[in-house]
C-alpha cells in the first residue's frame, strides 16, 4: 500500500538531482516492488525511485516489477489478486531477467516489502542479497488499510474486509485480507490466512523458507514513527499485538515468530544481519537524504 504519489507531490526535495560518482565496478542490480495503489512506472513514484537509484549508483540495473501486463492491471493487482500468484509471477520475471542471473538487491515499499520477502523465502535462484523493507507489514495489519481517495477499488476492498477477512472468497481475492492478522482470533488467522500465515510459518512449517531467508546478507527494516496505515506500526519491525490483548504490542524479539525462530529471524538478528531504521513521518514519508545516505549508499553500493 502506498502514499507515494501524495508524498512526492508534497516533498519536492525528494526529486533533487543527485551527483553520481562512478567506481568503475559492476554494480549488483536492484529489484523494487511498489505498494497498494501504485504501479511499477509512475514517474512521480516508483519511476522516480528507479531513476534516483540509477543516479546514485552509476551503471546499476533496476527492475521495477510490473505484474499483469499493463499499468492498469499492475495497479489493480495491488487490491484484487491472489498474493501467492503475484509472488509466483514475480519469481518468474526475476528468473527470466538475464540481468539478475547472478543475484540482486531488493527494496519493497509497504505491501511490496512482505511480497519481496516471500520471494526471498520461496525463490532462492537467483539469490536475493540485501533486502530493504520500507514500511512493510511483516506481522500483518489489524485495521483496514487507509486508502487515499474515494474510488471503487478502495471502497470495494474496505467493504469486503468488513464482510470478513477470513472468508474464503475474500482471502483468495482481496490482497489486504491476505495479510490481515486478527490477534483476537489467532487460530482462525493461522488456519485461514492463505499468505501471511504461510510465509511466517504460522501453521505448517516449511523449513525451506527459513533456510532461504538465512541466505540474505542483510535485512533492513524501516518503520515510520507516525504511521497511520500500518496498524500496528511495529509490524514493520516484525512486532505485533500479543494474542488476545490489543493493548500490548510485543517487539520482534518477544514474539513467537522470533523465539521459535520459525523463519530465521533470531539467527539473522544474532548474527547482526537485521538492521532497524526509524523514520519520523507518516507512511512512506521518507526524505531523500535518508533514502540515499541510510539505504542506497549502505546497501546498494
Protein backbone atom coordinates (compact mmCIF):
# COMPACT_ATOMS: atom_id res chain seq x y z
CA UNK A 1 0.00 0.00 0.00
CA UNK A 2 1.40 3.38 -0.75
CA UNK A 3 1.01 7.10 -0.31
CA UNK A 4 3.97 7.68 -2.60
CA UNK A 5 2.15 9.90 -5.08
CA UNK A 6 0.85 12.07 -2.23
CA UNK A 7 4.28 12.20 -0.66
CA UNK A 8 6.18 13.02 -3.81
CA UNK A 9 3.87 15.93 -4.52
CA UNK A 10 4.29 17.30 -1.00
CA UNK A 11 8.02 16.80 -0.68
CA UNK A 12 9.67 18.11 -3.88
CA UNK A 13 13.09 17.87 -2.23
CA UNK A 14 12.82 14.15 -2.91
CA UNK A 15 13.36 14.87 -6.58
CA UNK A 16 16.50 16.95 -6.19
CA UNK A 17 19.18 16.00 -8.68
CA UNK A 18 21.98 13.98 -7.14
CA UNK A 19 25.66 13.83 -8.03
CA UNK A 20 26.68 10.37 -9.25
CA UNK A 21 30.21 9.18 -8.71
CA UNK A 22 31.20 6.05 -10.58
CA UNK A 23 33.62 3.49 -9.18
CA UNK A 24 34.19 1.52 -12.36
CA UNK A 25 32.87 -1.76 -10.92
CA UNK A 26 29.89 -3.88 -11.88
CA UNK A 27 27.04 -2.99 -9.56
CA UNK A 28 24.64 -5.53 -8.08
CA UNK A 29 21.26 -4.98 -9.79
CA UNK A 30 18.20 -3.91 -7.80
CA UNK A 31 14.61 -5.16 -7.85
CA UNK A 32 11.87 -2.89 -6.45
CA UNK A 33 8.20 -3.63 -5.75
CA UNK A 34 5.59 -0.92 -5.21
CA UNK A 35 2.74 -0.75 -2.71
CA UNK A 36 -1.04 -0.53 -2.83
CA UNK A 37 -2.48 1.94 -5.32
CA UNK A 38 0.83 2.44 -7.09
CA UNK A 39 2.41 0.86 -10.14
CA UNK A 40 5.83 -0.05 -11.44
CA UNK A 41 6.48 3.00 -13.56
CA UNK A 42 4.68 6.10 -12.32
CA UNK A 43 7.21 8.92 -12.90
CA UNK A 44 6.05 10.57 -9.68
CA UNK A 45 6.69 7.49 -7.54
CA UNK A 46 8.44 4.25 -8.50
CA UNK A 47 9.74 5.72 -11.73
CA UNK A 48 11.43 8.43 -9.71
CA UNK A 49 12.80 5.90 -7.20
CA UNK A 50 14.29 3.88 -10.04
CA UNK A 51 15.86 7.00 -11.56
CA UNK A 52 17.29 8.06 -8.22
CA UNK A 53 18.92 4.68 -7.60
CA UNK A 54 20.47 4.86 -11.06
CA UNK A 55 21.78 8.37 -10.36
CA UNK A 56 23.29 7.40 -7.03
CA UNK A 57 24.72 4.06 -8.18
CA UNK A 58 26.16 4.66 -11.67
CA UNK A 59 25.72 1.75 -14.02
CA UNK A 60 23.25 -0.13 -11.82
CA UNK A 61 20.38 -2.03 -13.42
CA UNK A 62 16.98 -1.56 -11.73
CA UNK A 63 13.99 -3.81 -12.38
CA UNK A 64 10.70 -2.31 -11.15
CA UNK A 65 8.23 -5.17 -11.01
CA UNK A 66 5.11 -4.88 -13.16
CA UNK A 67 2.57 -7.66 -12.73
CA UNK A 68 -0.33 -8.14 -15.08
CA UNK A 69 0.97 -6.98 -18.42
CA UNK A 70 -0.20 -3.38 -18.19
CA UNK A 71 -0.08 -0.40 -15.85
CA UNK A 72 -3.82 -0.70 -15.22
CA UNK A 73 -3.52 -4.37 -14.27
CA UNK A 74 -0.48 -3.64 -12.13
CA UNK A 75 -2.48 -1.13 -10.08
CA UNK A 76 -5.50 -3.44 -9.90
CA UNK A 77 -3.35 -6.31 -8.64
CA UNK A 78 -2.41 -4.17 -5.66
CA UNK A 79 -6.03 -4.59 -4.48
CA UNK A 80 -7.52 -7.68 -6.05
CA UNK A 81 -5.42 -10.78 -6.65
CA UNK A 82 -4.15 -13.92 -5.01
CA UNK A 83 -0.85 -12.79 -3.48
CA UNK A 84 0.64 -16.25 -3.87
CA UNK A 85 0.08 -15.95 -7.60
CA UNK A 86 1.64 -12.47 -7.64
CA UNK A 87 4.72 -13.76 -5.84
CA UNK A 88 4.96 -16.62 -8.32
CA UNK A 89 4.74 -14.20 -11.24
CA UNK A 90 7.41 -12.02 -9.65
CA UNK A 91 9.68 -15.03 -9.24
CA UNK A 92 9.29 -15.91 -12.92
CA UNK A 93 10.04 -12.34 -14.00
CA UNK A 94 13.15 -12.26 -11.84
CA UNK A 95 14.33 -15.67 -13.04
CA UNK A 96 13.78 -14.70 -16.69
CA UNK A 97 15.68 -11.42 -16.45
CA UNK A 98 19.27 -12.12 -17.58
CA UNK A 99 20.50 -9.00 -15.78
CA UNK A 100 19.58 -10.63 -12.45
CA UNK A 101 21.10 -14.06 -13.02
CA UNK A 102 23.99 -13.55 -10.59
CA UNK A 103 21.84 -12.15 -7.81
CA UNK A 104 20.27 -8.84 -6.86
CA UNK A 105 19.40 -6.48 -4.04
CA UNK A 106 15.72 -5.84 -3.31
CA UNK A 107 13.66 -2.97 -1.94
CA UNK A 108 9.94 -3.22 -1.26
CA UNK A 109 7.56 -0.41 -0.39
CA UNK A 110 4.69 -1.13 2.02
CA UNK A 111 2.91 -4.34 0.98
CA UNK A 112 5.53 -4.80 -1.73
CA UNK A 113 8.01 -5.38 1.11
CA UNK A 114 6.42 -8.53 2.50
CA UNK A 115 5.80 -9.70 -1.06
CA UNK A 116 9.52 -9.44 -1.77
CA UNK A 117 10.27 -11.27 1.48
CA UNK A 118 8.08 -14.08 0.16
CA UNK A 119 10.20 -14.05 -3.00
CA UNK A 120 13.34 -14.45 -0.85
CA UNK A 121 11.77 -17.38 1.00
CA UNK A 122 10.24 -19.17 -1.96
CA UNK A 123 12.53 -18.37 -4.88
CA UNK A 124 16.23 -18.62 -3.92
CA UNK A 125 17.53 -18.57 -7.51
CA UNK A 126 18.78 -16.08 -8.47
CA UNK A 127 19.73 -15.14 -4.91
CA UNK A 128 18.48 -12.05 -3.13
CA UNK A 129 21.44 -10.42 -1.36
CA UNK A 130 20.37 -7.35 0.61
CA UNK A 131 16.67 -6.89 1.38
CA UNK A 132 15.26 -3.47 2.30
CA UNK A 133 11.71 -3.27 3.65
CA UNK A 134 10.23 0.24 3.71
CA UNK A 135 7.07 0.33 5.80
CA UNK A 136 6.26 -3.35 5.26
CA UNK A 137 3.63 -5.26 7.25
CA UNK A 138 5.60 -8.36 8.19
CA UNK A 139 3.29 -9.41 11.00
CA UNK A 140 0.26 -8.15 9.12
CA UNK A 141 -2.26 -5.44 10.00
CA UNK A 142 -5.27 -5.26 12.28
CA UNK A 143 -7.21 -2.34 10.87
CA UNK A 144 -8.37 -1.68 7.31
CA UNK A 145 -5.50 -0.06 5.38
CA UNK A 146 -6.02 3.63 4.74
CA UNK A 147 -6.55 4.20 1.06
CA UNK A 148 -6.27 7.68 -0.41
CA UNK A 149 -9.32 8.84 -2.27
CA UNK A 150 -12.91 7.76 -2.67
CA UNK A 151 -12.59 5.33 -5.56
CA UNK A 152 -14.15 1.99 -6.43
CA UNK A 153 -11.09 -0.18 -5.75
CA UNK A 154 -10.52 1.33 -2.29
CA UNK A 155 -14.19 1.17 -1.38
CA UNK A 156 -14.60 -2.40 -2.61
CA UNK A 157 -11.54 -3.51 -0.64
CA UNK A 158 -12.93 -1.95 2.55
CA UNK A 159 -16.38 -3.48 2.06
CA UNK A 160 -15.02 -6.98 1.53
CA UNK A 161 -12.72 -6.84 4.55
CA UNK A 162 -15.64 -5.59 6.63
CA UNK A 163 -17.63 -8.63 5.49
CA UNK A 164 -14.95 -10.93 6.85
CA UNK A 165 -11.25 -11.04 6.02
CA UNK A 166 -11.05 -14.79 6.60
CA UNK A 167 -13.99 -15.75 4.39
CA UNK A 168 -12.53 -18.00 1.65
CA UNK A 169 -13.67 -15.87 -1.29
CA UNK A 170 -12.30 -12.72 0.39
CA UNK A 171 -8.98 -14.39 1.21
CA UNK A 172 -8.48 -15.54 -2.35
CA UNK A 173 -9.36 -12.21 -3.92
CA UNK A 174 -8.56 -9.24 -1.66
CA UNK A 175 -4.85 -8.58 -1.30
CA UNK A 176 -5.12 -6.76 2.03
CA UNK A 177 -7.17 -9.59 3.57
CA UNK A 178 -4.25 -11.90 2.90
CA UNK A 179 -2.10 -10.10 5.45
CA UNK A 180 -4.96 -9.34 7.84
CA UNK A 181 -3.88 -10.57 11.29
CA UNK A 182 -6.57 -10.61 13.97
CA UNK A 183 -4.92 -11.02 17.41
CA UNK A 184 -8.32 -11.84 18.89
CA UNK A 185 -8.65 -14.85 16.57
CA UNK A 186 -5.12 -16.30 16.44
CA UNK A 187 -6.20 -19.80 15.49
CA UNK A 188 -8.59 -18.56 12.81
CA UNK A 189 -5.77 -16.44 11.38
CA UNK A 190 -3.36 -19.39 11.30
CA UNK A 191 -5.96 -21.63 9.72
CA UNK A 192 -7.48 -19.23 7.18
CA UNK A 193 -4.70 -16.83 6.11
CA UNK A 194 -3.50 -18.06 2.73
CA UNK A 195 -0.44 -15.82 2.50
CA UNK A 196 0.96 -14.17 5.64
CA UNK A 197 0.46 -17.16 7.94
CA UNK A 198 2.25 -19.27 5.34
CA UNK A 199 5.35 -17.10 4.83
CA UNK A 200 5.63 -16.71 8.63
CA UNK A 201 5.39 -20.48 9.14
CA UNK A 202 2.45 -19.99 11.50
CA UNK A 203 0.55 -23.12 10.56
CA UNK A 204 2.60 -25.82 8.93
CA UNK A 205 6.35 -25.40 8.99
CA UNK A 206 8.23 -25.09 5.70
CA UNK A 207 11.94 -25.36 6.55
CA UNK A 208 12.98 -24.09 3.12
CA UNK A 209 11.59 -20.64 3.99
CA UNK A 210 13.98 -20.37 6.92
CA UNK A 211 16.90 -21.80 5.01
CA UNK A 212 16.39 -19.42 2.10
CA UNK A 213 15.92 -16.32 4.26
CA UNK A 214 19.13 -17.12 6.12
CA UNK A 215 20.99 -16.69 2.83
CA UNK A 216 20.40 -12.93 3.00
CA UNK A 217 23.44 -10.77 3.58
CA UNK A 218 21.37 -8.08 5.31
CA UNK A 219 17.74 -7.24 6.07
CA UNK A 220 16.93 -3.58 6.73
CA UNK A 221 13.55 -2.88 8.31
CA UNK A 222 12.24 0.69 8.04
CA UNK A 223 9.44 1.80 10.37
CA UNK A 224 7.60 5.14 10.28
CA UNK A 225 7.07 6.60 13.74
CA UNK A 226 3.78 8.30 12.83
CA UNK A 227 2.49 5.56 10.53
CA UNK A 228 -1.32 5.54 10.34
CA UNK A 229 -1.53 2.95 7.58
CA UNK A 230 0.39 0.08 9.14
CA UNK A 231 -1.55 -0.89 12.28
CA UNK A 232 0.30 -1.50 14.46
CA UNK A 233 3.31 0.34 13.05
CA UNK A 234 5.59 -2.11 14.89
CA UNK A 235 4.64 -4.70 12.27
CA UNK A 236 7.26 -3.04 10.06
CA UNK A 237 9.83 -4.31 12.58
CA UNK A 238 8.16 -7.73 12.98
CA UNK A 239 6.42 -6.64 16.19
CA UNK A 240 2.73 -7.23 16.80
CA UNK A 241 -0.09 -7.40 19.33
CA UNK A 242 0.02 -10.09 21.96
CA UNK A 243 -2.57 -12.76 21.22
CA UNK A 244 -5.88 -11.76 22.78
CA UNK A 245 -4.52 -8.43 24.04
CA UNK A 246 -4.64 -5.44 21.69
CA UNK A 247 -3.34 -3.19 24.48
CA UNK A 248 0.04 -4.93 24.41
CA UNK A 249 2.42 -4.77 21.45
CA UNK A 250 5.33 -7.18 21.55
CA UNK A 251 8.67 -6.22 19.98
CA UNK A 252 10.11 -8.65 17.46
CA UNK A 253 12.32 -10.48 19.95
CA UNK A 254 9.36 -11.27 22.24
CA UNK A 255 7.11 -12.75 19.54
CA UNK A 256 6.72 -16.48 18.98
CA UNK A 257 7.86 -15.95 15.41
CA UNK A 258 11.25 -14.85 16.76
CA UNK A 259 11.53 -17.02 19.88
CA UNK A 260 10.73 -20.20 17.94
CA UNK A 261 12.88 -18.93 15.05
CA UNK A 262 10.32 -20.10 12.52
CA UNK A 263 11.80 -18.22 9.56
CA UNK A 264 15.31 -17.47 10.81
CA UNK A 265 14.77 -14.03 12.34
CA UNK A 266 16.56 -14.94 15.57
CA UNK A 267 19.61 -16.28 13.81
CA UNK A 268 19.72 -13.33 11.42
CA UNK A 269 19.42 -10.92 14.34
CA UNK A 270 22.05 -12.62 16.47
CA UNK A 271 24.47 -12.61 13.54
CA UNK A 272 23.98 -8.85 13.07
CA UNK A 273 22.22 -9.16 9.74
CA UNK A 274 18.94 -7.43 10.71
CA UNK A 275 19.12 -3.66 10.96
CA UNK A 276 16.36 -1.30 12.08
CA UNK A 277 15.69 2.24 10.89
CA UNK A 278 13.02 4.52 12.38
CA UNK A 279 11.89 7.48 10.30
CA UNK A 280 9.81 10.38 11.62
CA UNK A 281 6.75 10.79 9.44
CA UNK A 282 3.64 9.02 8.26
CA UNK A 283 3.57 6.03 5.94
CA UNK A 284 6.33 6.13 3.28
CA UNK A 285 7.22 9.74 4.09
CA UNK A 286 10.91 9.12 3.74
CA UNK A 287 13.21 12.07 2.93
CA UNK A 288 15.59 11.72 0.03
CA UNK A 289 18.59 12.19 2.34
CA UNK A 290 17.55 9.15 4.38
CA UNK A 291 16.82 7.05 1.32
CA UNK A 292 20.16 7.93 -0.24
CA UNK A 293 22.51 8.01 2.75
CA UNK A 294 20.99 5.39 5.03
CA UNK A 295 19.75 2.92 2.44
CA UNK A 296 21.14 3.20 -1.08
CA UNK A 297 24.72 4.04 -0.16
CA UNK A 298 24.83 1.45 2.62
CA UNK A 299 23.11 -1.49 0.95
CA UNK A 300 23.25 -0.98 -2.82
CA UNK A 301 26.81 0.21 -3.40
